[in-house]
Amino acid sequence: MADEKTLTFGRRCKRGERGERGERGERGERGKRGHDGSTGSTGSTGASGGTGSTGTTGATGATGFGATGATGATGVDGSTGADGATGATGATGAAGVAGSGGLMKFSGIVSAPNLLAVEYLADTGFGLGVGSIITIPVAYPAAVARTLRNFTVNSQLLIPLLGSMTFELVVNGLTVSTVTLNPGDGNGVPKSATPFTAAVLVGQTIDVRVTTAGFVSAAVEVSATVGVE
């Protein structure tokens, strides 16, 4: 290197000339290999690959046999359809059963003179006294054919010892049923005849005849009914 110039305070000296470049030194020997470095950290996950192609359809599985499901709720009713055409008139049915019928009612006053007395009942009611006693048949005519069934009688008087009161249902002059009140009967307690039936044709007559015997009474209130079908 060239000699440095001494600078005098207050005066600027000229810069010295640059010296020549020295020769390049020889290359030093290669150093020993260093130790392996530590393993670096794991890199980030790479992007997902594209979707692969669809595989072939597998074979159909066996048919299952599950339990039957519950019945569904009933649907709402549909609207009513239009009326159909009127059908043909059917054959006439068999005759209906006759009505259940009703009762014929007889009532009135009979006397008991101790000897035999025969009187008839009509629908004249009670409480009319001896003046309403009927001694001839009333002979009610039948307006339509009917069947008489059963015969029940009643006396407001208790039949005394040795006395009797016999009621007869008479059709066209013939007795078809009889009820006899004996001692202890009557007193407002009804008594019925043995069950029977008797046909009555149009125009035939119906009567209730009462025969008393063995006791004395000026007027006895009695009644009778006959079932009619």
Protein backbone atom coordinates (compact mmCIF):
# COMPACT_ATOMS: atom_id res chain seq x y z
CA MET A 1 0.00 0.00 0.00
CA ALA A 2 1.25 3.53 -0.85
CA ASP A 3 2.32 5.75 1.95
CA GLU A 4 -0.36 7.88 3.50
CA LYS A 5 -0.01 11.57 3.05
CA THR A 6 0.06 13.72 6.13
CA LEU A 7 -2.78 16.20 6.15
CA THR A 8 -1.97 19.65 7.31
CA PHE A 9 -4.88 21.32 9.19
CA GLY A 10 -6.42 23.89 7.00
CA ARG A 11 -5.09 22.50 3.65
CA ARG A 12 -6.60 19.66 1.61
CA CYS A 13 -3.90 17.37 0.21
CA LYS A 14 -4.17 15.39 -2.97
CA ARG A 15 -5.33 11.69 -2.76
CA GLY A 16 -2.59 9.17 -3.29
CA GLU A 17 -2.60 6.64 -6.14
CA ARG A 18 -4.22 3.12 -5.64
CA GLY A 19 -1.78 0.32 -5.29
CA GLU A 20 -1.75 -2.80 -7.50
CA ARG A 21 -3.99 -5.91 -6.64
CA GLY A 22 -2.12 -8.68 -5.09
CA GLU A 23 -2.16 -12.26 -6.39
CA ARG A 24 -5.03 -14.62 -5.42
CA GLY A 25 -4.22 -16.94 -2.60
CA GLU A 26 -4.47 -20.72 -2.93
CA ARG A 27 -7.80 -22.54 -2.15
CA GLY A 28 -7.89 -23.95 1.29
CA GLU A 29 -8.65 -27.62 2.03
CA ARG A 30 -12.29 -28.85 2.17
CA GLY A 31 -13.65 -29.00 5.65
CA LYS A 32 -15.17 -32.10 7.20
CA ARG A 33 -18.90 -32.98 6.45
CA GLY A 34 -21.28 -31.58 9.03
CA HIS A 35 -23.76 -33.73 11.04
CA ASP A 36 -27.25 -34.54 9.53
CA GLY A 37 -29.85 -31.88 10.34
CA SER A 38 -33.13 -32.71 12.24
CA THR A 39 -36.26 -33.92 10.33
CA GLY A 40 -38.32 -31.06 9.01
CA SER A 41 -42.05 -30.60 9.95
CA THR A 42 -44.82 -32.44 7.98
CA GLY A 43 -45.99 -30.59 4.94
CA SER A 44 -49.66 -29.53 4.45
CA THR A 45 -52.27 -32.04 3.09
CA GLY A 46 -52.50 -32.10 -0.64
CA ALA A 47 -55.73 -31.34 -2.58
CA SER A 48 -58.40 -34.16 -2.84
CA GLY A 49 -58.28 -36.26 -5.96
CA GLY A 50 -61.19 -36.33 -8.45
CA THR A 51 -64.27 -38.66 -7.93
CA GLY A 52 -63.72 -42.12 -9.29
CA SER A 53 -66.09 -43.71 -11.83
CA THR A 54 -69.34 -45.43 -10.60
CA GLY A 55 -68.96 -49.14 -9.96
CA THR A 56 -71.26 -51.79 -11.51
CA THR A 57 -74.72 -52.42 -9.90
CA GLY A 58 -74.72 -55.26 -7.39
CA ALA A 59 -77.07 -58.26 -7.58
CA THR A 60 -80.71 -57.83 -6.28
CA GLY A 61 -81.11 -58.90 -2.65
CA ALA A 62 -83.70 -61.46 -1.47
CA THR A 63 -87.32 -60.27 -0.92
CA GLY A 64 -87.99 -59.26 2.68
CA PHE A 65 -91.05 -60.49 4.66
CA GLY A 66 -91.78 -57.69 7.12
CA ALA A 67 -95.00 -57.57 9.21
CA THR A 68 -98.12 -55.99 7.65
CA GLY A 69 -98.43 -52.34 8.52
CA ALA A 70 -101.36 -50.95 10.53
CA THR A 71 -104.60 -50.14 8.68
CA GLY A 72 -104.80 -46.53 7.64
CA ALA A 73 -107.56 -44.18 8.84
CA THR A 74 -110.94 -44.36 7.07
CA GLY A 75 -111.30 -41.76 4.39
CA VAL A 76 -114.14 -39.25 4.33
CA ASP A 77 -117.46 -40.33 2.79
CA GLY A 78 -117.92 -39.49 -0.80
CA SER A 79 -120.84 -37.41 -2.00
CA THR A 80 -124.20 -39.14 -2.48
CA GLY A 81 -124.77 -40.37 -5.97
CA ALA A 82 -127.78 -39.46 -8.07
CA ASP A 83 -131.05 -41.35 -7.45
CA GLY A 84 -131.45 -44.47 -9.51
CA ALA A 85 -134.44 -45.18 -11.68
CA THR A 86 -137.62 -46.41 -9.97
CA GLY A 87 -137.71 -50.19 -9.84
CA ALA A 88 -140.59 -52.31 -11.04
CA THR A 89 -143.56 -52.75 -8.70
CA GLY A 90 -143.19 -55.87 -6.59
CA ALA A 91 -145.78 -58.57 -6.12
CA THR A 92 -148.55 -57.96 -3.59
CA GLY A 93 -147.59 -59.21 -0.15
CA ALA A 94 -149.54 -61.63 1.95
CA ALA A 95 -152.49 -60.32 3.95
CA GLY A 96 -151.48 -58.76 7.25
CA VAL A 97 -152.46 -60.08 10.64
CA ALA A 98 -155.78 -58.81 11.90
CA GLY A 99 -155.77 -56.11 14.56
CA SER A 100 -155.50 -57.09 18.20
CA GLY A 101 -159.18 -56.27 18.74
CA GLY A 102 -160.64 -54.97 22.00
CA LEU A 103 -163.33 -55.58 24.62
CA MET A 104 -167.12 -55.68 24.65
CA LYS A 105 -168.40 -54.23 27.93
CA PHE A 106 -171.64 -55.20 29.70
CA SER A 107 -172.93 -53.80 33.02
CA GLY A 108 -176.16 -53.22 34.90
CA ILE A 109 -178.41 -54.18 37.80
CA VAL A 110 -179.75 -57.64 38.65
CA SER A 111 -182.17 -58.64 41.42
CA ALA A 112 -182.09 -61.60 43.81
CA PRO A 113 -185.61 -62.44 45.07
CA ASN A 114 -184.38 -65.70 46.69
CA LEU A 115 -186.11 -67.64 43.96
CA LEU A 116 -184.55 -68.11 40.55
CA ALA A 117 -184.26 -64.83 38.59
CA VAL A 118 -183.00 -64.42 35.00
CA GLU A 119 -181.90 -61.00 33.73
CA TYR A 120 -179.69 -59.54 30.97
CA LEU A 121 -176.90 -56.97 30.95
CA ALA A 122 -176.45 -54.02 28.66
CA ASP A 123 -174.14 -51.01 28.81
CA THR A 124 -176.53 -49.10 31.08
CA GLY A 125 -174.07 -48.46 33.92
CA PHE A 126 -174.33 -48.74 37.69
CA GLY A 127 -176.52 -46.93 40.22
CA LEU A 128 -179.77 -46.93 38.25
CA GLY A 129 -181.70 -49.08 40.74
CA VAL A 130 -184.33 -51.74 40.19
CA GLY A 131 -186.00 -49.74 37.46
CA SER A 132 -183.11 -50.56 35.10
CA ILE A 133 -183.33 -54.35 35.45
CA ILE A 134 -183.60 -55.98 31.99
CA THR A 135 -185.54 -59.24 31.77
CA ILE A 136 -185.46 -59.78 27.99
CA PRO A 137 -182.44 -60.27 25.72
CA VAL A 138 -180.76 -57.11 24.45
CA ALA A 139 -179.50 -59.00 21.38
CA TYR A 140 -176.60 -56.80 20.27
CA PRO A 141 -176.09 -57.50 16.51
CA ALA A 142 -172.57 -58.08 15.13
CA ALA A 143 -171.70 -55.49 12.43
CA VAL A 144 -168.60 -57.42 11.29
CA ALA A 145 -167.47 -60.99 11.72
CA ARG A 146 -165.39 -61.39 14.86
CA THR A 147 -163.98 -63.98 17.23
CA LEU A 148 -164.90 -63.82 20.92
CA ARG A 149 -162.15 -64.84 23.33
CA ASN A 150 -162.38 -65.14 27.14
CA PHE A 151 -165.14 -63.99 29.46
CA THR A 152 -164.64 -62.21 32.84
CA VAL A 153 -167.35 -61.12 35.31
CA ASN A 154 -167.60 -59.11 38.53
CA SER A 155 -170.21 -58.55 41.30
CA GLN A 156 -170.12 -55.78 43.87
CA LEU A 157 -172.03 -58.06 46.27
CA LEU A 158 -170.32 -60.82 48.25
CA ILE A 159 -172.28 -63.96 47.38
CA PRO A 160 -173.80 -65.26 50.65
CA LEU A 161 -174.00 -68.80 51.94
CA LEU A 162 -176.27 -71.01 49.73
CA GLY A 163 -176.41 -68.27 47.10
CA SER A 164 -175.11 -68.30 43.50
CA MET A 165 -174.88 -66.00 40.48
CA THR A 166 -174.29 -67.47 37.03
CA PHE A 167 -173.18 -65.41 33.98
CA GLU A 168 -173.65 -66.80 30.46
CA LEU A 169 -172.22 -65.44 27.22
CA VAL A 170 -174.89 -66.10 24.60
CA VAL A 171 -174.25 -65.94 20.81
CA ASN A 172 -177.32 -66.10 18.58
CA GLY A 173 -179.31 -67.76 21.39
CA LEU A 174 -176.65 -70.36 22.29
CA THR A 175 -174.45 -70.27 25.43
CA VAL A 176 -170.71 -70.31 24.49
CA SER A 177 -169.16 -69.64 27.95
CA THR A 178 -170.26 -69.66 31.63
CA VAL A 179 -168.89 -68.22 34.90
CA THR A 180 -170.56 -68.99 38.26
CA LEU A 181 -169.99 -66.95 41.41
CA ASN A 182 -170.34 -69.16 44.47
CA PRO A 183 -170.59 -68.24 48.19
CA GLY A 184 -167.56 -66.07 49.07
CA ASP A 185 -167.04 -64.88 45.45
CA GLY A 186 -167.81 -61.38 44.27
CA ASN A 187 -167.28 -58.36 46.51
CA GLY A 188 -165.54 -56.57 43.62
CA VAL A 189 -163.13 -59.43 42.83
CA PRO A 190 -163.30 -60.49 39.11
CA LYS A 191 -163.63 -64.11 38.05
CA SER A 192 -162.88 -65.50 34.59
CA ALA A 193 -164.27 -68.38 32.58
CA THR A 194 -162.19 -71.20 31.20
CA PRO A 195 -160.40 -69.81 28.09
CA PHE A 196 -162.32 -70.34 24.84
CA THR A 197 -162.94 -68.89 21.38
CA ALA A 198 -166.25 -68.46 19.58
CA ALA A 199 -166.88 -67.12 16.07
CA VAL A 200 -169.58 -64.49 15.52
CA LEU A 201 -170.84 -63.88 11.99
CA VAL A 202 -172.27 -60.65 10.64
CA GLY A 203 -175.83 -60.22 11.91
CA GLN A 204 -175.60 -62.73 14.74
CA THR A 205 -176.55 -61.48 18.21
CA ILE A 206 -174.60 -61.27 21.47
CA ASP A 207 -176.01 -61.22 25.04
CA VAL A 208 -174.88 -61.67 28.65
CA ARG A 209 -177.47 -63.47 30.75
CA VAL A 210 -177.35 -63.51 34.60
CA THR A 211 -179.21 -66.01 36.80
CA THR A 212 -179.37 -65.49 40.60
CA ALA A 213 -180.57 -67.99 43.21
CA GLY A 214 -180.47 -68.70 46.94
CA PHE A 215 -180.29 -65.18 48.33
CA VAL A 216 -182.30 -61.98 48.55
CA SER A 217 -181.20 -58.55 47.25
CA ALA A 218 -183.28 -55.88 45.56
CA ALA A 219 -180.45 -54.63 43.29
CA VAL A 220 -176.94 -55.93 42.70
CA GLU A 221 -174.45 -54.08 40.49
CA VAL A 222 -172.59 -56.44 38.14
CA SER A 223 -170.40 -56.22 35.05
CA ALA A 224 -168.77 -58.43 32.41
CA THR A 225 -166.27 -58.08 29.54
CA VAL A 226 -165.60 -60.20 26.47
CA GLY A 227 -162.39 -60.14 24.43
CA VAL A 228 -162.97 -59.46 20.70
CA GLU A 229 -160.60 -60.20 17.81
